[in-house]
């Protein structure tokens, strides 16, 4: 048996822009993608904390350390600059691996920089 499991998330990111005239996606700072183990073009779920919208799209990498979180195409209508979002990725794994799967969590500050935990890690 295989299970769909939470793989990683970027928590509390702030939308920095919207671009309606685009084919669709979410553009995310490359540094955040790497820390969350999310690849460009990977499917993600986006949860808008401010308005309750939830949608599925794919990722595009923004320049590293730019702090960019940008909704593109139709998704641009689902948020406004300054909204807080949670970006989630999932994976499908065999039951035995699912039991020990460690979720990568990246918490960010108001400028979409990874916050450091008390032990010095950023996730």
PDB file of N, CA and C in Angstrom:
ATOM      1  N   UNK A   1       0.838  -1.175   0.000  1.00  0.00           N
ATOM      2  CA  UNK A   1       0.000   0.000   0.000  1.00  0.00           C
ATOM      3  C   UNK A   1       0.889   1.245   0.000  1.00  0.00           C
ATOM      4  N   UNK A   2       0.480   2.259  -0.751  1.00  0.00           N
ATOM      5  CA  UNK A   2       1.189   3.531  -0.764  1.00  0.00           C
ATOM      6  C   UNK A   2       0.290   4.611  -0.191  1.00  0.00           C
ATOM      7  N   UNK A   3       0.913   5.615   0.382  1.00  0.00           N
ATOM      8  CA  UNK A   3       0.189   6.728   1.005  1.00  0.00           C
ATOM      9  C   UNK A   3       0.667   8.052   0.411  1.00  0.00           C
ATOM     10  N   UNK A   4      -0.240   8.997   0.295  1.00  0.00           N
ATOM     11  CA  UNK A   4       0.119  10.363  -0.060  1.00  0.00           C
ATOM     12  C   UNK A   4       0.398  11.091   1.247  1.00  0.00           C
ATOM     13  N   UNK A   5       1.620  11.621   1.366  1.00  0.00           N
ATOM     14  CA  UNK A   5       2.064  12.211   2.615  1.00  0.00           C
ATOM     15  C   UNK A   5       2.573  13.637   2.395  1.00  0.00           C
ATOM     16  N   UNK A   6       2.453  14.443   3.439  1.00  0.00           N
ATOM     17  CA  UNK A   6       3.060  15.771   3.430  1.00  0.00           C
ATOM     18  C   UNK A   6       4.572  15.592   3.349  1.00  0.00           C
ATOM     19  N   UNK A   7       5.198  16.221   2.359  1.00  0.00           N
ATOM     20  CA  UNK A   7       6.654  16.127   2.191  1.00  0.00           C
ATOM     21  C   UNK A   7       7.343  17.347   2.766  1.00  0.00           C
ATOM     22  N   UNK A   8       6.793  18.536   2.462  1.00  0.00           N
ATOM     23  CA  UNK A   8       7.437  19.762   2.919  1.00  0.00           C
ATOM     24  C   UNK A   8       6.463  20.926   2.844  1.00  0.00           C
ATOM     25  N   UNK A   9       6.855  21.996   3.567  1.00  0.00           N
ATOM     26  CA  UNK A   9       6.033  23.204   3.488  1.00  0.00           C
ATOM     27  C   UNK A   9       6.864  24.434   3.782  1.00  0.00           C
ATOM     28  N   UNK A  10       6.456  25.518   3.142  1.00  0.00           N
ATOM     29  CA  UNK A  10       6.982  26.853   3.425  1.00  0.00           C
ATOM     30  C   UNK A  10       5.842  27.560   4.144  1.00  0.00           C
ATOM     31  N   UNK A  11       6.064  27.912   5.391  1.00  0.00           N
ATOM     32  CA  UNK A  11       4.980  28.387   6.255  1.00  0.00           C
ATOM     33  C   UNK A  11       5.097  29.888   6.539  1.00  0.00           C
ATOM     34  N   UNK A  12       4.007  30.598   6.302  1.00  0.00           N
ATOM     35  CA  UNK A  12       3.928  32.016   6.645  1.00  0.00           C
ATOM     36  C   UNK A  12       4.606  32.947   5.666  1.00  0.00           C
ATOM     37  N   UNK A  13       4.755  32.514   4.418  1.00  0.00           N
ATOM     38  CA  UNK A  13       5.362  33.380   3.405  1.00  0.00           C
ATOM     39  C   UNK A  13       4.424  34.533   3.073  1.00  0.00           C
ATOM     40  N   UNK A  14       5.003  35.646   2.681  1.00  0.00           N
ATOM     41  CA  UNK A  14       4.237  36.842   2.332  1.00  0.00           C
ATOM     42  C   UNK A  14       4.248  37.028   0.820  1.00  0.00           C
ATOM     43  N   UNK A  15       3.069  37.185   0.222  1.00  0.00           N
ATOM     44  CA  UNK A  15       2.998  37.436  -1.224  1.00  0.00           C
ATOM     45  C   UNK A  15       3.641  38.782  -1.539  1.00  0.00           C
ATOM     46  N   UNK A  16       4.566  38.761  -2.492  1.00  0.00           N
ATOM     47  CA  UNK A  16       5.253  39.988  -2.883  1.00  0.00           C
ATOM     48  C   UNK A  16       4.717  40.568  -4.183  1.00  0.00           C
ATOM     49  N   UNK A  17       3.865  39.818  -4.876  1.00  0.00           N
ATOM     50  CA  UNK A  17       3.323  40.333  -6.120  1.00  0.00           C
ATOM     51  C   UNK A  17       2.366  39.357  -6.778  1.00  0.00           C
ATOM     52  N   UNK A  18       1.683  39.867  -7.802  1.00  0.00           N
ATOM     53  CA  UNK A  18       0.792  39.057  -8.629  1.00  0.00           C
ATOM     54  C   UNK A  18       1.015  39.471 -10.083  1.00  0.00           C
ATOM     55  N   UNK A  19       0.887  38.517 -10.985  1.00  0.00           N
ATOM     56  CA  UNK A  19       1.074  38.781 -12.412  1.00  0.00           C
ATOM     57  C   UNK A  19      -0.005  38.032 -13.174  1.00  0.00           C
ATOM     58  N   UNK A  20      -1.117  38.720 -13.448  1.00  0.00           N
ATOM     59  CA  UNK A  20      -2.262  38.093 -14.096  1.00  0.00           C
ATOM     60  C   UNK A  20      -1.955  37.612 -15.510  1.00  0.00           C
ATOM     61  N   UNK A  21      -1.183  38.373 -16.271  1.00  0.00           N
ATOM     62  CA  UNK A  21      -0.907  38.035 -17.672  1.00  0.00           C
ATOM     63  C   UNK A  21       0.257  37.056 -17.769  1.00  0.00           C
ATOM     64  N   UNK A  22       0.014  35.852 -17.286  1.00  0.00           N
ATOM     65  CA  UNK A  22       1.018  34.797 -17.310  1.00  0.00           C
ATOM     66  C   UNK A  22       0.274  33.481 -17.404  1.00  0.00           C
ATOM     67  N   UNK A  23       0.928  32.425 -17.860  1.00  0.00           N
ATOM     68  CA  UNK A  23       0.228  31.154 -18.070  1.00  0.00           C
ATOM     69  C   UNK A  23      -0.200  30.468 -16.785  1.00  0.00           C
ATOM     70  N   UNK A  24       0.382  30.831 -15.666  1.00  0.00           N
ATOM     71  CA  UNK A  24      -0.057  30.276 -14.388  1.00  0.00           C
ATOM     72  C   UNK A  24       1.034  29.576 -13.621  1.00  0.00           C
ATOM     73  N   UNK A  25       1.103  29.817 -12.316  1.00  0.00           N
ATOM     74  CA  UNK A  25       2.070  29.175 -11.434  1.00  0.00           C
ATOM     75  C   UNK A  25       2.279  30.039 -10.196  1.00  0.00           C
ATOM     76  N   UNK A  26       3.227  29.624  -9.365  1.00  0.00           N
ATOM     77  CA  UNK A  26       3.693  30.452  -8.266  1.00  0.00           C
ATOM     78  C   UNK A  26       5.215  30.525  -8.359  1.00  0.00           C
ATOM     79  N   UNK A  27       5.752  31.724  -8.343  1.00  0.00           N
ATOM     80  CA  UNK A  27       7.186  31.936  -8.393  1.00  0.00           C
ATOM     81  C   UNK A  27       7.686  32.073  -6.955  1.00  0.00           C
ATOM     82  N   UNK A  28       8.720  31.284  -6.617  1.00  0.00           N
ATOM     83  CA  UNK A  28       9.217  31.218  -5.242  1.00  0.00           C
ATOM     84  C   UNK A  28      10.735  31.355  -5.243  1.00  0.00           C
ATOM     85  N   UNK A  29      11.241  32.121  -4.312  1.00  0.00           N
ATOM     86  CA  UNK A  29      12.679  32.285  -4.102  1.00  0.00           C
ATOM     87  C   UNK A  29      13.369  30.913  -4.134  1.00  0.00           C
ATOM     88  N   UNK A  30      14.393  30.773  -4.971  1.00  0.00           N
ATOM     89  CA  UNK A  30      15.117  29.504  -5.132  1.00  0.00           C
ATOM     90  C   UNK A  30      15.648  28.976  -3.798  1.00  0.00           C
ATOM     91  N   UNK A  31      16.087  29.842  -2.923  1.00  0.00           N
ATOM     92  CA  UNK A  31      16.593  29.420  -1.621  1.00  0.00           C
ATOM     93  C   UNK A  31      15.505  28.704  -0.818  1.00  0.00           C
ATOM     94  N   UNK A  32      14.287  29.230  -0.856  1.00  0.00           N
ATOM     95  CA  UNK A  32      13.182  28.593  -0.133  1.00  0.00           C
ATOM     96  C   UNK A  32      12.821  27.253  -0.764  1.00  0.00           C
ATOM     97  N   UNK A  33      12.829  27.200  -2.092  1.00  0.00           N
ATOM     98  CA  UNK A  33      12.553  25.924  -2.766  1.00  0.00           C
ATOM     99  C   UNK A  33      13.562  24.860  -2.333  1.00  0.00           C
ATOM    100  N   UNK A  34      14.833  25.225  -2.311  1.00  0.00           N
ATOM    101  CA  UNK A  34      15.866  24.261  -1.927  1.00  0.00           C
ATOM    102  C   UNK A  34      15.697  23.808  -0.483  1.00  0.00           C
ATOM    103  N   UNK A  35      15.458  24.745   0.426  1.00  0.00           N
ATOM    104  CA  UNK A  35      15.315  24.393   1.843  1.00  0.00           C
ATOM    105  C   UNK A  35      14.101  23.498   2.084  1.00  0.00           C
ATOM    106  N   UNK A  36      13.048  23.688   1.271  1.00  0.00           N
ATOM    107  CA  UNK A  36      11.824  22.895   1.420  1.00  0.00           C
ATOM    108  C   UNK A  36      11.838  21.638   0.544  1.00  0.00           C
ATOM    109  N   UNK A  37      12.911  21.414  -0.198  1.00  0.00           N
ATOM    110  CA  UNK A  37      13.012  20.254  -1.091  1.00  0.00           C
ATOM    111  C   UNK A  37      11.870  20.231  -2.107  1.00  0.00           C
ATOM    112  N   UNK A  38      11.630  21.397  -2.717  1.00  0.00           N
ATOM    113  CA  UNK A  38      10.628  21.538  -3.774  1.00  0.00           C
ATOM    114  C   UNK A  38      11.361  21.930  -5.052  1.00  0.00           C
ATOM    115  N   UNK A  39      11.084  21.220  -6.140  1.00  0.00           N
ATOM    116  CA  UNK A  39      11.747  21.484  -7.413  1.00  0.00           C
ATOM    117  C   UNK A  39      10.946  22.464  -8.268  1.00  0.00           C
ATOM    118  N   UNK A  40      11.613  23.192  -9.173  1.00  0.00           N
ATOM    119  CA  UNK A  40      10.879  23.963 -10.165  1.00  0.00           C
ATOM    120  C   UNK A  40       9.966  23.023 -10.963  1.00  0.00           C
ATOM    121  N   UNK A  41       8.780  23.454 -11.240  1.00  0.00           N
ATOM    122  CA  UNK A  41       7.731  22.717 -11.955  1.00  0.00           C
ATOM    123  C   UNK A  41       7.025  21.676 -11.088  1.00  0.00           C
ATOM    124  N   UNK A  42       7.404  21.542  -9.825  1.00  0.00           N
ATOM    125  CA  UNK A  42       6.736  20.590  -8.939  1.00  0.00           C
ATOM    126  C   UNK A  42       5.354  21.111  -8.540  1.00  0.00           C
ATOM    127  N   UNK A  43       4.404  20.202  -8.462  1.00  0.00           N
ATOM    128  CA  UNK A  43       3.058  20.563  -8.017  1.00  0.00           C
ATOM    129  C   UNK A  43       3.080  20.946  -6.538  1.00  0.00           C
ATOM    130  N   UNK A  44       2.389  22.041  -6.218  1.00  0.00           N
ATOM    131  CA  UNK A  44       2.234  22.468  -4.829  1.00  0.00           C
ATOM    132  C   UNK A  44       0.791  22.895  -4.578  1.00  0.00           C
ATOM    133  N   UNK A  45       0.416  22.837  -3.331  1.00  0.00           N
ATOM    134  CA  UNK A  45      -0.857  23.380  -2.877  1.00  0.00           C
ATOM    135  C   UNK A  45      -0.538  24.692  -2.172  1.00  0.00           C
ATOM    136  N   UNK A  46      -1.314  25.714  -2.465  1.00  0.00           N
ATOM    137  CA  UNK A  46      -1.107  27.022  -1.855  1.00  0.00           C
ATOM    138  C   UNK A  46      -2.339  27.352  -1.030  1.00  0.00           C
ATOM    139  N   UNK A  47      -2.120  27.696   0.231  1.00  0.00           N
ATOM    140  CA  UNK A  47      -3.202  28.039   1.160  1.00  0.00           C
ATOM    141  C   UNK A  47      -3.032  29.492   1.557  1.00  0.00           C
ATOM    142  N   UNK A  48      -4.014  30.326   1.232  1.00  0.00           N
ATOM    143  CA  UNK A  48      -3.951  31.744   1.559  1.00  0.00           C
ATOM    144  C   UNK A  48      -4.579  31.940   2.936  1.00  0.00           C
ATOM    145  N   UNK A  49      -3.769  32.307   3.910  1.00  0.00           N
ATOM    146  CA  UNK A  49      -4.237  32.488   5.275  1.00  0.00           C
ATOM    147  C   UNK A  49      -5.212  33.658   5.377  1.00  0.00           C
ATOM    148  N   UNK A  50      -5.013  34.704   4.577  1.00  0.00           N
ATOM    149  CA  UNK A  50      -5.844  35.906   4.676  1.00  0.00           C
ATOM    150  C   UNK A  50      -7.264  35.720   4.174  1.00  0.00           C
ATOM    151  N   UNK A  51      -7.434  34.971   3.069  1.00  0.00           N
ATOM    152  CA  UNK A  51      -8.780  34.876   2.495  1.00  0.00           C
ATOM    153  C   UNK A  51      -9.340  33.450   2.433  1.00  0.00           C
ATOM    154  N   UNK A  52      -8.567  32.473   2.889  1.00  0.00           N
ATOM    155  CA  UNK A  52      -9.053  31.092   2.923  1.00  0.00           C
ATOM    156  C   UNK A  52      -8.988  30.345   1.605  1.00  0.00           C
ATOM    157  N   UNK A  53      -8.510  30.987   0.543  1.00  0.00           N
ATOM    158  CA  UNK A  53      -8.399  30.303  -0.754  1.00  0.00           C
ATOM    159  C   UNK A  53      -7.356  29.194  -0.687  1.00  0.00           C
ATOM    160  N   UNK A  54      -7.643  28.085  -1.362  1.00  0.00           N
ATOM    161  CA  UNK A  54      -6.704  26.965  -1.507  1.00  0.00           C
ATOM    162  C   UNK A  54      -6.686  26.596  -2.979  1.00  0.00           C
ATOM    163  N   UNK A  55      -5.498  26.414  -3.541  1.00  0.00           N
ATOM    164  CA  UNK A  55      -5.427  26.022  -4.943  1.00  0.00           C
ATOM    165  C   UNK A  55      -4.154  25.227  -5.200  1.00  0.00           C
ATOM    166  N   UNK A  56      -4.150  24.546  -6.344  1.00  0.00           N
ATOM    167  CA  UNK A  56      -3.023  23.724  -6.759  1.00  0.00           C
ATOM    168  C   UNK A  56      -2.398  24.376  -7.985  1.00  0.00           C
ATOM    169  N   UNK A  57      -1.074  24.433  -8.001  1.00  0.00           N
ATOM    170  CA  UNK A  57      -0.351  24.982  -9.139  1.00  0.00           C
ATOM    171  C   UNK A  57       1.032  24.332  -9.188  1.00  0.00           C
ATOM    172  N   UNK A  58       1.955  24.929  -9.920  1.00  0.00           N
ATOM    173  CA  UNK A  58       3.317  24.423  -9.986  1.00  0.00           C
ATOM    174  C   UNK A  58       4.285  25.565  -9.723  1.00  0.00           C
ATOM    175  N   UNK A  59       5.525  25.222  -9.414  1.00  0.00           N
ATOM    176  CA  UNK A  59       6.496  26.235  -9.010  1.00  0.00           C
ATOM    177  C   UNK A  59       7.403  26.678 -10.148  1.00  0.00           C
ATOM    178  N   UNK A  60       7.835  27.917 -10.033  1.00  0.00           N
ATOM    179  CA  UNK A  60       8.882  28.498 -10.870  1.00  0.00           C
ATOM    180  C   UNK A  60       9.880  29.114  -9.899  1.00  0.00           C
ATOM    181  N   UNK A  61      11.163  28.954 -10.153  1.00  0.00           N
ATOM    182  CA  UNK A  61      12.189  29.498  -9.273  1.00  0.00           C
ATOM    183  C   UNK A  61      12.440  30.972  -9.561  1.00  0.00           C
ATOM    184  N   UNK A  62      12.420  31.766  -8.494  1.00  0.00           N
ATOM    185  CA  UNK A  62      12.839  33.166  -8.550  1.00  0.00           C
ATOM    186  C   UNK A  62      14.319  33.211  -8.158  1.00  0.00           C
ATOM    187  N   UNK A  63      15.002  34.300  -8.429  1.00  0.00           N
ATOM    188  CA  UNK A  63      16.408  34.386  -8.030  1.00  0.00           C
ATOM    189  C   UNK A  63      16.595  34.092  -6.542  1.00  0.00           C
ATOM    190  N   UNK A  64      17.705  33.444  -6.250  1.00  0.00           N
ATOM    191  CA  UNK A  64      18.037  33.044  -4.882  1.00  0.00           C
ATOM    192  C   UNK A  64      18.152  34.272  -3.980  1.00  0.00           C
ATOM    193  N   UNK A  65      17.561  34.158  -2.807  1.00  0.00           N
ATOM    194  CA  UNK A  65      17.575  35.204  -1.770  1.00  0.00           C
ATOM    195  C   UNK A  65      16.848  36.485  -2.193  1.00  0.00           C
ATOM    196  N   UNK A  66      15.955  36.381  -3.182  1.00  0.00           N
ATOM    197  CA  UNK A  66      15.173  37.548  -3.629  1.00  0.00           C
ATOM    198  C   UNK A  66      13.968  37.801  -2.739  1.00  0.00           C
ATOM    199  N   UNK A  67      13.513  36.772  -2.028  1.00  0.00           N
ATOM    200  CA  UNK A  67      12.315  36.904  -1.201  1.00  0.00           C
ATOM    201  C   UNK A  67      11.019  36.879  -1.990  1.00  0.00           C
ATOM    202  N   UNK A  68      11.094  36.587  -3.275  1.00  0.00           N
ATOM    203  CA  UNK A  68       9.917  36.627  -4.149  1.00  0.00           C
ATOM    204  C   UNK A  68       8.968  35.464  -3.867  1.00  0.00           C
ATOM    205  N   UNK A  69       7.692  35.807  -3.690  1.00  0.00           N
ATOM    206  CA  UNK A  69       6.574  34.860  -3.686  1.00  0.00           C
ATOM    207  C   UNK A  69       5.514  35.535  -4.555  1.00  0.00           C
ATOM    208  N   UNK A  70       5.348  35.057  -5.772  1.00  0.00           N
ATOM    209  CA  UNK A  70       4.546  35.745  -6.785  1.00  0.00           C
ATOM    210  C   UNK A  70       3.502  34.805  -7.364  1.00  0.00           C
ATOM    211  N   UNK A  71       2.229  35.213  -7.309  1.00  0.00           N
ATOM    212  CA  UNK A  71       1.152  34.441  -7.930  1.00  0.00           C
ATOM    213  C   UNK A  71       1.018  34.869  -9.379  1.00  0.00           C
ATOM    214  N   UNK A  72       0.990  33.889 -10.291  1.00  0.00           N
ATOM    215  CA  UNK A  72       0.922  34.156 -11.723  1.00  0.00           C
ATOM    216  C   UNK A  72      -0.361  33.602 -12.324  1.00  0.00           C
ATOM    217  N   UNK A  73      -0.780  34.202 -13.433  1.00  0.00           N
ATOM    218  CA  UNK A  73      -1.943  33.713 -14.171  1.00  0.00           C
ATOM    219  C   UNK A  73      -3.203  33.766 -13.330  1.00  0.00           C
ATOM    220  N   UNK A  74      -4.113  32.824 -13.524  1.00  0.00           N
ATOM    221  CA  UNK A  74      -5.379  32.839 -12.789  1.00  0.00           C
ATOM    222  C   UNK A  74      -5.205  32.867 -11.265  1.00  0.00           C
ATOM    223  N   UNK A  75      -4.128  32.260 -10.776  1.00  0.00           N
ATOM    224  CA  UNK A  75      -3.875  32.266  -9.330  1.00  0.00           C
ATOM    225  C   UNK A  75      -3.679  33.684  -8.790  1.00  0.00           C
ATOM    226  N   UNK A  76      -3.303  34.614  -9.660  1.00  0.00           N
ATOM    227  CA  UNK A  76      -3.096  36.000  -9.235  1.00  0.00           C
ATOM    228  C   UNK A  76      -4.374  36.614  -8.670  1.00  0.00           C
ATOM    229  N   UNK A  77      -5.516  36.063  -9.027  1.00  0.00           N
ATOM    230  CA  UNK A  77      -6.791  36.563  -8.503  1.00  0.00           C
ATOM    231  C   UNK A  77      -7.113  36.002  -7.116  1.00  0.00           C
ATOM    232  N   UNK A  78      -6.273  35.087  -6.626  1.00  0.00           N
ATOM    233  CA  UNK A  78      -6.558  34.406  -5.354  1.00  0.00           C
ATOM    234  C   UNK A  78      -5.762  34.973  -4.177  1.00  0.00           C
ATOM    235  N   UNK A  79      -5.071  36.080  -4.417  1.00  0.00           N
ATOM    236  CA  UNK A  79      -4.322  36.709  -3.334  1.00  0.00           C
ATOM    237  C   UNK A  79      -3.903  38.107  -3.716  1.00  0.00           C
ATOM    238  N   UNK A  80      -3.510  38.879  -2.704  1.00  0.00           N
ATOM    239  CA  UNK A  80      -3.012  40.224  -2.930  1.00  0.00           C
ATOM    240  C   UNK A  80      -1.682  40.393  -2.202  1.00  0.00           C
ATOM    241  N   UNK A  81      -0.908  41.355  -2.645  1.00  0.00           N
ATOM    242  CA  UNK A  81       0.382  41.622  -2.020  1.00  0.00           C
ATOM    243  C   UNK A  81       0.194  41.791  -0.519  1.00  0.00           C
ATOM    244  N   UNK A  82       1.026  41.118   0.237  1.00  0.00           N
ATOM    245  CA  UNK A  82       0.964  41.176   1.697  1.00  0.00           C
ATOM    246  C   UNK A  82       0.236  40.010   2.333  1.00  0.00           C
ATOM    247  N   UNK A  83      -0.539  39.246   1.543  1.00  0.00           N
ATOM    248  CA  UNK A  83      -1.226  38.074   2.101  1.00  0.00           C
ATOM    249  C   UNK A  83      -0.194  37.052   2.572  1.00  0.00           C
ATOM    250  N   UNK A  84      -0.527  36.358   3.644  1.00  0.00           N
ATOM    251  CA  UNK A  84       0.305  35.270   4.152  1.00  0.00           C
ATOM    252  C   UNK A  84      -0.177  33.964   3.541  1.00  0.00           C
ATOM    253  N   UNK A  85       0.770  33.122   3.097  1.00  0.00           N
ATOM    254  CA  UNK A  85       0.428  31.846   2.483  1.00  0.00           C
ATOM    255  C   UNK A  85       1.270  30.719   3.067  1.00  0.00           C
ATOM    256  N   UNK A  86       0.746  29.504   2.910  1.00  0.00           N
ATOM    257  CA  UNK A  86       1.468  28.286   3.219  1.00  0.00           C
ATOM    258  C   UNK A  86       1.567  27.517   1.904  1.00  0.00           C
ATOM    259  N   UNK A  87       2.761  27.097   1.555  1.00  0.00           N
ATOM    260  CA  UNK A  87       3.000  26.374   0.307  1.00  0.00           C
ATOM    261  C   UNK A  87       3.391  24.953   0.684  1.00  0.00           C
ATOM    262  N   UNK A  88       2.631  23.971   0.185  1.00  0.00           N
ATOM    263  CA  UNK A  88       2.766  22.589   0.625  1.00  0.00           C
ATOM    264  C   UNK A  88       3.065  21.676  -0.554  1.00  0.00           C
ATOM    265  N   UNK A  89       3.995  20.726  -0.348  1.00  0.00           N
ATOM    266  CA  UNK A  89       4.231  19.672  -1.331  1.00  0.00           C
ATOM    267  C   UNK A  89       3.964  18.322  -0.678  1.00  0.00           C
ATOM    268  N   UNK A  90       3.549  17.382  -1.503  1.00  0.00           N
ATOM    269  CA  UNK A  90       3.235  16.030  -1.039  1.00  0.00           C
ATOM    270  C   UNK A  90       4.072  15.023  -1.814  1.00  0.00           C
ATOM    271  N   UNK A  91       4.136  13.808  -1.312  1.00  0.00           N
ATOM    272  CA  UNK A  91       4.786  12.726  -2.035  1.00  0.00           C
ATOM    273  C   UNK A  91       3.997  11.439  -1.804  1.00  0.00           C
ATOM    274  N   UNK A  92       4.207  10.494  -2.682  1.00  0.00           N
ATOM    275  CA  UNK A  92       3.579   9.177  -2.557  1.00  0.00           C
ATOM    276  C   UNK A  92       4.671   8.190  -2.177  1.00  0.00           C
ATOM    277  N   UNK A  93       4.486   7.518  -1.053  1.00  0.00           N
ATOM    278  CA  UNK A  93       5.519   6.611  -0.554  1.00  0.00           C
ATOM    279  C   UNK A  93       4.896   5.308  -0.063  1.00  0.00           C
ATOM    280  N   UNK A  94       5.678   4.224  -0.086  1.00  0.00           N
ATOM    281  CA  UNK A  94       5.194   2.967   0.481  1.00  0.00           C
ATOM    282  C   UNK A  94       4.895   3.138   1.972  1.00  0.00           C
ATOM    283  N   UNK A  95       3.963   2.368   2.464  1.00  0.00           N
ATOM    284  CA  UNK A  95       3.529   2.461   3.857  1.00  0.00           C
ATOM    285  C   UNK A  95       4.687   2.443   4.836  1.00  0.00           C
ATOM    286  N   UNK A  96       5.642   1.559   4.644  1.00  0.00           N
ATOM    287  CA  UNK A  96       6.758   1.457   5.595  1.00  0.00           C
ATOM    288  C   UNK A  96       7.600   2.726   5.630  1.00  0.00           C
ATOM    289  N   UNK A  97       7.798   3.361   4.482  1.00  0.00           N
ATOM    290  CA  UNK A  97       8.545   4.628   4.461  1.00  0.00           C
ATOM    291  C   UNK A  97       7.692   5.760   5.024  1.00  0.00           C
ATOM    292  N   UNK A  98       6.406   5.691   4.807  1.00  0.00           N
ATOM    293  CA  UNK A  98       5.502   6.737   5.300  1.00  0.00           C
ATOM    294  C   UNK A  98       5.569   6.852   6.817  1.00  0.00           C
ATOM    295  N   UNK A  99       5.758   5.740   7.484  1.00  0.00           N
ATOM    296  CA  UNK A  99       5.786   5.744   8.951  1.00  0.00           C
ATOM    297  C   UNK A  99       6.954   6.549   9.515  1.00  0.00           C
ATOM    298  N   UNK A 100       8.025   6.684   8.739  1.00  0.00           N
ATOM    299  CA  UNK A 100       9.218   7.383   9.224  1.00  0.00           C
ATOM    300  C   UNK A 100       9.544   8.652   8.432  1.00  0.00           C
ATOM    301  N   UNK A 101       8.630   9.078   7.589  1.00  0.00           N
ATOM    302  CA  UNK A 101       8.873  10.254   6.757  1.00  0.00           C
ATOM    303  C   UNK A 101       9.018  11.500   7.628  1.00  0.00           C
ATOM    304  N   UNK A 102      10.067  12.249   7.381  1.00  0.00           N
ATOM    305  CA  UNK A 102      10.291  13.498   8.112  1.00  0.00           C
ATOM    306  C   UNK A 102       9.898  14.667   7.204  1.00  0.00           C
ATOM    307  N   UNK A 103       8.980  15.467   7.674  1.00  0.00           N
ATOM    308  CA  UNK A 103       8.499  16.620   6.905  1.00  0.00           C
ATOM    309  C   UNK A 103       9.505  17.762   7.026  1.00  0.00           C
ATOM    310  N   UNK A 104       9.842  18.373   5.879  1.00  0.00           N
ATOM    311  CA  UNK A 104      10.705  19.559   5.896  1.00  0.00           C
ATOM    312  C   UNK A 104       9.806  20.778   6.069  1.00  0.00           C
ATOM    313  N   UNK A 105      10.055  21.537   7.117  1.00  0.00           N
ATOM    314  CA  UNK A 105       9.266  22.739   7.407  1.00  0.00           C
ATOM    315  C   UNK A 105      10.180  23.945   7.363  1.00  0.00           C
ATOM    316  N   UNK A 106       9.820  24.902   6.532  1.00  0.00           N
ATOM    317  CA  UNK A 106      10.585  26.138   6.421  1.00  0.00           C
ATOM    318  C   UNK A 106       9.677  27.280   6.872  1.00  0.00           C
ATOM    319  N   UNK A 107      10.023  27.894   7.990  1.00  0.00           N
ATOM    320  CA  UNK A 107       9.293  29.049   8.503  1.00  0.00           C
ATOM    321  C   UNK A 107      10.053  30.291   8.060  1.00  0.00           C
ATOM    322  N   UNK A 108       9.313  31.304   7.624  1.00  0.00           N
ATOM    323  CA  UNK A 108       9.961  32.498   7.082  1.00  0.00           C
ATOM    324  C   UNK A 108       9.545  33.749   7.839  1.00  0.00           C
ATOM    325  N   UNK A 109      10.391  34.780   7.732  1.00  0.00           N
ATOM    326  CA  UNK A 109      10.075  36.065   8.350  1.00  0.00           C
ATOM    327  C   UNK A 109       9.259  36.918   7.382  1.00  0.00           C
ATOM    328  N   UNK A 110       9.043  38.171   7.734  1.00  0.00           N
ATOM    329  CA  UNK A 110       8.195  39.057   6.915  1.00  0.00           C
ATOM    330  C   UNK A 110       8.802  39.383   5.556  1.00  0.00           C
ATOM    331  N   UNK A 111      10.108  39.114   5.370  1.00  0.00           N
ATOM    332  CA  UNK A 111      10.762  39.340   4.076  1.00  0.00           C
ATOM    333  C   UNK A 111      11.034  38.026   3.349  1.00  0.00           C
ATOM    334  N   UNK A 112      10.361  36.963   3.784  1.00  0.00           N
ATOM    335  CA  UNK A 112      10.486  35.630   3.180  1.00  0.00           C
ATOM    336  C   UNK A 112      11.902  35.064   3.266  1.00  0.00           C
ATOM    337  N   UNK A 113      12.579  35.395   4.357  1.00  0.00           N
ATOM    338  CA  UNK A 113      13.871  34.779   4.649  1.00  0.00           C
ATOM    339  C   UNK A 113      13.638  33.671   5.660  1.00  0.00           C
ATOM    340  N   UNK A 114      14.315  32.537   5.496  1.00  0.00           N
ATOM    341  CA  UNK A 114      14.139  31.452   6.475  1.00  0.00           C
ATOM    342  C   UNK A 114      14.508  31.926   7.873  1.00  0.00           C
ATOM    343  N   UNK A 115      13.652  31.576   8.830  1.00  0.00           N
ATOM    344  CA  UNK A 115      13.955  31.878  10.226  1.00  0.00           C
ATOM    345  C   UNK A 115      14.862  30.793  10.767  1.00  0.00           C
ATOM    346  N   UNK A 116      15.759  31.164  11.637  1.00  0.00           N
ATOM    347  CA  UNK A 116      16.609  30.162  12.277  1.00  0.00           C
ATOM    348  C   UNK A 116      15.959  29.702  13.556  1.00  0.00           C
ATOM    349  N   UNK A 117      16.026  28.399  13.779  1.00  0.00           N
ATOM    350  CA  UNK A 117      15.507  27.847  15.024  1.00  0.00           C
ATOM    351  C   UNK A 117      16.551  27.995  16.117  1.00  0.00           C
ATOM    352  N   UNK A 118      16.206  27.649  17.328  1.00  0.00           N
ATOM    353  CA  UNK A 118      17.118  27.765  18.463  1.00  0.00           C
ATOM    354  C   UNK A 118      18.385  26.936  18.272  1.00  0.00           C
ATOM    355  N   UNK A 119      18.303  25.870  17.484  1.00  0.00           N
ATOM    356  CA  UNK A 119      19.485  25.021  17.290  1.00  0.00           C
ATOM    357  C   UNK A 119      20.321  25.468  16.093  1.00  0.00           C
ATOM    358  N   UNK A 120      19.962  26.606  15.476  1.00  0.00           N
ATOM    359  CA  UNK A 120      20.730  27.143  14.360  1.00  0.00           C
ATOM    360  C   UNK A 120      20.272  26.686  12.981  1.00  0.00           C
ATOM    361  N   UNK A 121      19.327  25.751  12.931  1.00  0.00           N
ATOM    362  CA  UNK A 121      18.826  25.304  11.639  1.00  0.00           C
ATOM    363  C   UNK A 121      17.760  26.273  11.146  1.00  0.00           C
ATOM    364  N   UNK A 122      17.447  26.200   9.857  1.00  0.00           N
ATOM    365  CA  UNK A 122      16.464  27.132   9.295  1.00  0.00           C
ATOM    366  C   UNK A 122      15.127  26.470   9.028  1.00  0.00           C
ATOM    367  N   UNK A 123      15.010  25.226   9.382  1.00  0.00           N
ATOM    368  CA  UNK A 123      13.729  24.555   9.157  1.00  0.00           C
ATOM    369  C   UNK A 123      13.181  24.024  10.458  1.00  0.00           C
TER     370      UNK A 123
END
